[in-house]
Amino acid sequence: MNNKFKNMIDQYKNGQTKFCNESFSNETVIDKSLQCSSFTNINFLDLNLTNIKFTLSYFDDCSFENCNFDGTAFRDATFLNCKFKNCSLKNCSFVKAEFEGIKFESCSFEKAERGSLSKAWFESCHFIETNFNGFNFGSLIATAVEDSKFSKFNKTIEFQGKFFLIDILESKTGLEGMLFKY
């Protein structure tokens, strides 16, 4: 197994570092801290990241494909122009995280025990065949979506302006119902 990402993390004891123009693949990384780090033009492929702290980190023009995040902390993290494809985001904390110009394709957000999207901000994002499972009002409180699209079953619904994610996911018929005409 390739340990390039893990080895780079281990070089920085304080957890703050800059990663630019790198590709990381086929790794499992557990219990590491990368708080206040910066990631620019990074490709993450086939990674399993468990209990990683990305608190206050910055991701710009990054690609995440076939990645599994479990118990990962993205509190106050910023994501700009990134792509997530076939990713599982289970039990992750996205409290106060900001997402702008992000494409989520075939991803799954799962609350599990400690996961939260509370006070997260999604602006100009596109959710394609992406699911949100197990979230309740408390874990979605003040989570905003602005000028974004949700696509499922070859249908798209676009939101102009600001909406709260709980209102979209917990609408009378749910997102799937909103994408069907009755």
C-alpha atoms as a PDB file:
ATOM      1  CA  MET A   1       0.000   0.000   0.000  1.00  0.00           C
ATOM      2  CA  ASN A   2       1.196   3.472  -0.887  1.00  0.00           C
ATOM      3  CA  ASN A   3       1.714   5.692   2.215  1.00  0.00           C
ATOM      4  CA  LYS A   4       2.672   8.956   0.542  1.00  0.00           C
ATOM      5  CA  PHE A   5      -0.105  11.010   2.195  1.00  0.00           C
ATOM      6  CA  LYS A   6       0.431   9.473   5.634  1.00  0.00           C
ATOM      7  CA  ASN A   7       4.194   9.994   5.401  1.00  0.00           C
ATOM      8  CA  MET A   8       3.727  13.651   4.451  1.00  0.00           C
ATOM      9  CA  ILE A   9       1.357  14.147   7.391  1.00  0.00           C
ATOM     10  CA  ASP A  10       3.865  12.555   9.777  1.00  0.00           C
ATOM     11  CA  GLN A  11       6.525  15.075   8.704  1.00  0.00           C
ATOM     12  CA  TYR A  12       4.487  17.926  10.183  1.00  0.00           C
ATOM     13  CA  LYS A  13       4.061  17.492  13.924  1.00  0.00           C
ATOM     14  CA  ASN A  14       1.918  20.607  14.389  1.00  0.00           C
ATOM     15  CA  GLY A  15      -0.577  19.520  11.714  1.00  0.00           C
ATOM     16  CA  GLN A  16      -0.341  22.766   9.730  1.00  0.00           C
ATOM     17  CA  THR A  17       0.998  22.391   6.234  1.00  0.00           C
ATOM     18  CA  LYS A  18       0.477  23.309   2.588  1.00  0.00           C
ATOM     19  CA  PHE A  19      -0.161  20.676  -0.060  1.00  0.00           C
ATOM     20  CA  CYS A  20      -0.035  21.763  -3.716  1.00  0.00           C
ATOM     21  CA  ASN A  21      -0.264  19.874  -7.018  1.00  0.00           C
ATOM     22  CA  GLU A  22      -0.168  16.383  -5.498  1.00  0.00           C
ATOM     23  CA  SER A  23      -2.018  13.110  -5.986  1.00  0.00           C
ATOM     24  CA  PHE A  24      -2.678  10.647  -3.205  1.00  0.00           C
ATOM     25  CA  SER A  25      -4.207   7.219  -3.767  1.00  0.00           C
ATOM     26  CA  ASN A  26      -4.860   3.813  -2.240  1.00  0.00           C
ATOM     27  CA  GLU A  27      -4.185   4.711   1.384  1.00  0.00           C
ATOM     28  CA  THR A  28      -5.767   4.317   4.773  1.00  0.00           C
ATOM     29  CA  VAL A  29      -5.016   7.069   7.271  1.00  0.00           C
ATOM     30  CA  ILE A  30      -6.312   6.965  10.843  1.00  0.00           C
ATOM     31  CA  ASP A  31      -6.215   9.410  13.777  1.00  0.00           C
ATOM     32  CA  LYS A  32      -4.199  12.269  12.256  1.00  0.00           C
ATOM     33  CA  SER A  33      -4.468  16.040  12.537  1.00  0.00           C
ATOM     34  CA  LEU A  34      -4.172  18.418   9.612  1.00  0.00           C
ATOM     35  CA  GLN A  35      -5.829  21.395  11.264  1.00  0.00           C
ATOM     36  CA  CYS A  36      -5.291  24.784   9.604  1.00  0.00           C
ATOM     37  CA  SER A  37      -3.796  23.169   6.498  1.00  0.00           C
ATOM     38  CA  SER A  38      -4.125  24.235   2.875  1.00  0.00           C
ATOM     39  CA  PHE A  39      -4.782  21.925  -0.089  1.00  0.00           C
ATOM     40  CA  THR A  40      -4.576  23.316  -3.638  1.00  0.00           C
ATOM     41  CA  ASN A  41      -5.030  21.220  -6.794  1.00  0.00           C
ATOM     42  CA  ILE A  42      -4.878  17.903  -4.913  1.00  0.00           C
ATOM     43  CA  ASN A  43      -6.308  14.619  -6.210  1.00  0.00           C
ATOM     44  CA  PHE A  44      -7.495  12.174  -3.550  1.00  0.00           C
ATOM     45  CA  LEU A  45      -8.316   8.740  -5.017  1.00  0.00           C
ATOM     46  CA  ASP A  46      -9.390   5.589  -3.156  1.00  0.00           C
ATOM     47  CA  LEU A  47      -8.538   6.905   0.318  1.00  0.00           C
ATOM     48  CA  ASN A  48      -9.974   5.769   3.639  1.00  0.00           C
ATOM     49  CA  LEU A  49      -9.689   8.589   6.147  1.00  0.00           C
ATOM     50  CA  THR A  50     -10.865   7.857   9.693  1.00  0.00           C
ATOM     51  CA  ASN A  51     -10.829  10.330  12.576  1.00  0.00           C
ATOM     52  CA  ILE A  52      -8.806  12.912  10.657  1.00  0.00           C
ATOM     53  CA  LYS A  53      -8.993  16.530  11.810  1.00  0.00           C
ATOM     54  CA  PHE A  54      -9.189  18.998   8.915  1.00  0.00           C
ATOM     55  CA  THR A  55     -10.578  21.745  11.174  1.00  0.00           C
ATOM     56  CA  LEU A  56     -10.048  25.252   9.742  1.00  0.00           C
ATOM     57  CA  SER A  57      -8.430  23.791   6.608  1.00  0.00           C
ATOM     58  CA  TYR A  58      -8.753  25.169   3.087  1.00  0.00           C
ATOM     59  CA  PHE A  59      -9.382  23.067  -0.064  1.00  0.00           C
ATOM     60  CA  ASP A  60      -9.170  24.730  -3.486  1.00  0.00           C
ATOM     61  CA  ASP A  61      -9.630  22.935  -6.822  1.00  0.00           C
ATOM     62  CA  CYS A  62      -9.335  19.479  -5.204  1.00  0.00           C
ATOM     63  CA  SER A  63     -10.811  16.216  -6.429  1.00  0.00           C
ATOM     64  CA  PHE A  64     -12.029  13.420  -4.139  1.00  0.00           C
ATOM     65  CA  GLU A  65     -12.946  10.141  -5.824  1.00  0.00           C
ATOM     66  CA  ASN A  66     -13.934   6.835  -4.192  1.00  0.00           C
ATOM     67  CA  CYS A  67     -12.951   8.191  -0.775  1.00  0.00           C
ATOM     68  CA  ASN A  68     -14.400   7.080   2.544  1.00  0.00           C
ATOM     69  CA  PHE A  69     -14.447   9.587   5.366  1.00  0.00           C
ATOM     70  CA  ASP A  70     -15.470   8.277   8.786  1.00  0.00           C
ATOM     71  CA  GLY A  71     -15.506  10.485  11.880  1.00  0.00           C
ATOM     72  CA  THR A  72     -13.569  13.154  10.002  1.00  0.00           C
ATOM     73  CA  ALA A  73     -13.718  16.731  11.329  1.00  0.00           C
ATOM     74  CA  PHE A  74     -14.127  19.461   8.707  1.00  0.00           C
ATOM     75  CA  ARG A  75     -15.311  22.093  11.229  1.00  0.00           C
ATOM     76  CA  ASP A  76     -14.850  25.616   9.810  1.00  0.00           C
ATOM     77  CA  ALA A  77     -13.184  24.191   6.663  1.00  0.00           C
ATOM     78  CA  THR A  78     -13.531  25.929   3.293  1.00  0.00           C
ATOM     79  CA  PHE A  79     -13.986  24.115  -0.038  1.00  0.00           C
ATOM     80  CA  LEU A  80     -13.773  26.037  -3.332  1.00  0.00           C
ATOM     81  CA  ASN A  81     -14.264  24.530  -6.808  1.00  0.00           C
ATOM     82  CA  CYS A  82     -13.828  20.931  -5.605  1.00  0.00           C
ATOM     83  CA  LYS A  83     -15.360  17.686  -6.877  1.00  0.00           C
ATOM     84  CA  PHE A  84     -16.530  14.723  -4.799  1.00  0.00           C
ATOM     85  CA  LYS A  85     -17.380  11.542  -6.718  1.00  0.00           C
ATOM     86  CA  ASN A  86     -18.490   8.228  -5.176  1.00  0.00           C
ATOM     87  CA  CYS A  87     -17.535   9.383  -1.685  1.00  0.00           C
ATOM     88  CA  SER A  88     -18.954   8.243   1.636  1.00  0.00           C
ATOM     89  CA  LEU A  89     -19.016  10.960   4.300  1.00  0.00           C
ATOM     90  CA  LYS A  90     -20.081   9.085   7.419  1.00  0.00           C
ATOM     91  CA  ASN A  91     -20.239  10.555  10.897  1.00  0.00           C
ATOM     92  CA  CYS A  92     -18.311  13.654   9.782  1.00  0.00           C
ATOM     93  CA  SER A  93     -18.521  17.091  11.328  1.00  0.00           C
ATOM     94  CA  PHE A  94     -19.054  19.878   8.804  1.00  0.00           C
ATOM     95  CA  VAL A  95     -20.097  22.455  11.423  1.00  0.00           C
ATOM     96  CA  LYS A  96     -19.638  25.927   9.912  1.00  0.00           C
ATOM     97  CA  ALA A  97     -17.942  24.470   6.806  1.00  0.00           C
ATOM     98  CA  GLU A  98     -18.282  26.472   3.583  1.00  0.00           C
ATOM     99  CA  PHE A  99     -18.714  24.906   0.142  1.00  0.00           C
ATOM    100  CA  GLU A 100     -18.667  27.048  -3.005  1.00  0.00           C
ATOM    101  CA  GLY A 101     -18.813  25.766  -6.575  1.00  0.00           C
ATOM    102  CA  ILE A 102     -18.719  22.124  -5.441  1.00  0.00           C
ATOM    103  CA  LYS A 103     -19.962  19.124  -7.410  1.00  0.00           C
ATOM    104  CA  PHE A 104     -21.083  16.108  -5.355  1.00  0.00           C
ATOM    105  CA  GLU A 105     -21.729  13.101  -7.609  1.00  0.00           C
ATOM    106  CA  SER A 106     -23.015   9.779  -6.259  1.00  0.00           C
ATOM    107  CA  CYS A 107     -22.007  10.678  -2.711  1.00  0.00           C
ATOM    108  CA  SER A 108     -23.566   9.809   0.616  1.00  0.00           C
ATOM    109  CA  PHE A 109     -23.670  12.012   3.711  1.00  0.00           C
ATOM    110  CA  GLU A 110     -24.536   9.865   6.751  1.00  0.00           C
ATOM    111  CA  LYS A 111     -25.093  11.295  10.204  1.00  0.00           C
ATOM    112  CA  ALA A 112     -24.437   8.147  12.287  1.00  0.00           C
ATOM    113  CA  GLU A 113     -23.663   9.214  15.874  1.00  0.00           C
ATOM    114  CA  ARG A 114     -21.739  12.502  15.879  1.00  0.00           C
ATOM    115  CA  GLY A 115     -22.085  13.741  12.314  1.00  0.00           C
ATOM    116  CA  SER A 116     -23.365  17.239  11.735  1.00  0.00           C
ATOM    117  CA  LEU A 117     -23.874  19.736   8.947  1.00  0.00           C
ATOM    118  CA  SER A 118     -24.969  22.415  11.415  1.00  0.00           C
ATOM    119  CA  LYS A 119     -24.377  25.974  10.176  1.00  0.00           C
ATOM    120  CA  ALA A 120     -22.685  24.713   6.983  1.00  0.00           C
ATOM    121  CA  TRP A 121     -22.997  26.823   3.839  1.00  0.00           C
ATOM    122  CA  PHE A 122     -23.440  25.365   0.323  1.00  0.00           C
ATOM    123  CA  GLU A 123     -23.294  27.976  -2.450  1.00  0.00           C
ATOM    124  CA  SER A 124     -23.468  27.244  -6.192  1.00  0.00           C
ATOM    125  CA  CYS A 125     -23.178  23.498  -5.551  1.00  0.00           C
ATOM    126  CA  HIS A 126     -24.551  20.623  -7.616  1.00  0.00           C
ATOM    127  CA  PHE A 127     -25.682  17.456  -5.845  1.00  0.00           C
ATOM    128  CA  ILE A 128     -26.001  14.635  -8.397  1.00  0.00           C
ATOM    129  CA  GLU A 129     -27.451  11.348  -7.093  1.00  0.00           C
ATOM    130  CA  THR A 130     -26.263  12.378  -3.615  1.00  0.00           C
ATOM    131  CA  ASN A 131     -28.027  11.206  -0.455  1.00  0.00           C
ATOM    132  CA  PHE A 132     -28.341  12.628   3.057  1.00  0.00           C
ATOM    133  CA  ASN A 133     -29.139   9.874   5.559  1.00  0.00           C
ATOM    134  CA  GLY A 134     -29.935   9.962   9.270  1.00  0.00           C
ATOM    135  CA  PHE A 135     -29.882  13.728   9.744  1.00  0.00           C
ATOM    136  CA  ASN A 136     -32.365  15.371  12.074  1.00  0.00           C
ATOM    137  CA  PHE A 137     -33.210  19.000  12.745  1.00  0.00           C
ATOM    138  CA  GLY A 138     -30.422  19.427  15.328  1.00  0.00           C
ATOM    139  CA  SER A 139     -27.698  18.176  12.996  1.00  0.00           C
ATOM    140  CA  LEU A 140     -28.922  20.417  10.150  1.00  0.00           C
ATOM    141  CA  ILE A 141     -29.737  23.564  12.117  1.00  0.00           C
ATOM    142  CA  ALA A 142     -29.001  26.717  10.098  1.00  0.00           C
ATOM    143  CA  THR A 143     -27.443  24.739   7.231  1.00  0.00           C
ATOM    144  CA  ALA A 144     -27.942  26.950   4.190  1.00  0.00           C
ATOM    145  CA  VAL A 145     -28.067  26.206   0.471  1.00  0.00           C
ATOM    146  CA  GLU A 146     -27.813  29.073  -2.004  1.00  0.00           C
ATOM    147  CA  ASP A 147     -28.128  28.993  -5.799  1.00  0.00           C
ATOM    148  CA  SER A 148     -27.614  25.220  -5.984  1.00  0.00           C
ATOM    149  CA  LYS A 149     -29.009  22.200  -7.862  1.00  0.00           C
ATOM    150  CA  PHE A 150     -30.110  18.737  -6.803  1.00  0.00           C
ATOM    151  CA  SER A 151     -30.317  16.058  -9.507  1.00  0.00           C
ATOM    152  CA  LYS A 152     -31.779  12.581  -9.157  1.00  0.00           C
ATOM    153  CA  PHE A 153     -33.476  10.166 -11.503  1.00  0.00           C
ATOM    154  CA  ASN A 154     -32.473  12.243 -14.551  1.00  0.00           C
ATOM    155  CA  LYS A 155     -34.361  15.239 -13.157  1.00  0.00           C
ATOM    156  CA  THR A 156     -32.983  18.439 -11.678  1.00  0.00           C
ATOM    157  CA  ILE A 157     -34.377  20.975  -9.266  1.00  0.00           C
ATOM    158  CA  GLU A 158     -32.556  24.259  -8.980  1.00  0.00           C
ATOM    159  CA  PHE A 159     -32.766  26.612  -6.015  1.00  0.00           C
ATOM    160  CA  GLN A 160     -32.226  30.314  -6.622  1.00  0.00           C
ATOM    161  CA  GLY A 161     -31.651  32.347  -3.501  1.00  0.00           C
ATOM    162  CA  LYS A 162     -31.035  31.040   0.007  1.00  0.00           C
ATOM    163  CA  PHE A 163     -32.785  28.008   1.495  1.00  0.00           C
ATOM    164  CA  PHE A 164     -32.194  25.885   4.543  1.00  0.00           C
ATOM    165  CA  LEU A 165     -31.204  22.277   3.872  1.00  0.00           C
ATOM    166  CA  ILE A 166     -33.682  20.971   6.459  1.00  0.00           C
ATOM    167  CA  ASP A 167     -36.521  22.594   4.473  1.00  0.00           C
ATOM    168  CA  ILE A 168     -35.349  20.912   1.270  1.00  0.00           C
ATOM    169  CA  LEU A 169     -34.751  17.453   2.748  1.00  0.00           C
ATOM    170  CA  GLU A 170     -37.802  17.478   5.000  1.00  0.00           C
ATOM    171  CA  SER A 171     -40.274  18.965   2.539  1.00  0.00           C
ATOM    172  CA  LYS A 172     -43.699  17.370   2.454  1.00  0.00           C
ATOM    173  CA  THR A 173     -42.619  14.883  -0.213  1.00  0.00           C
ATOM    174  CA  GLY A 174     -38.829  14.976   0.299  1.00  0.00           C
ATOM    175  CA  LEU A 175     -36.294  15.773  -2.396  1.00  0.00           C
ATOM    176  CA  GLU A 176     -37.229  12.688  -4.420  1.00  0.00           C
ATOM    177  CA  GLY A 177     -40.846  13.844  -4.407  1.00  0.00           C
ATOM    178  CA  MET A 178     -39.820  17.320  -5.488  1.00  0.00           C
ATOM    179  CA  LEU A 179     -38.070  15.829  -8.509  1.00  0.00           C
ATOM    180  CA  PHE A 180     -41.154  13.919  -9.653  1.00  0.00           C
ATOM    181  CA  LYS A 181     -44.247  15.457 -11.195  1.00  0.00           C
ATOM    182  CA  TYR A 182     -47.482  14.110  -9.782  1.00  0.00           C
END
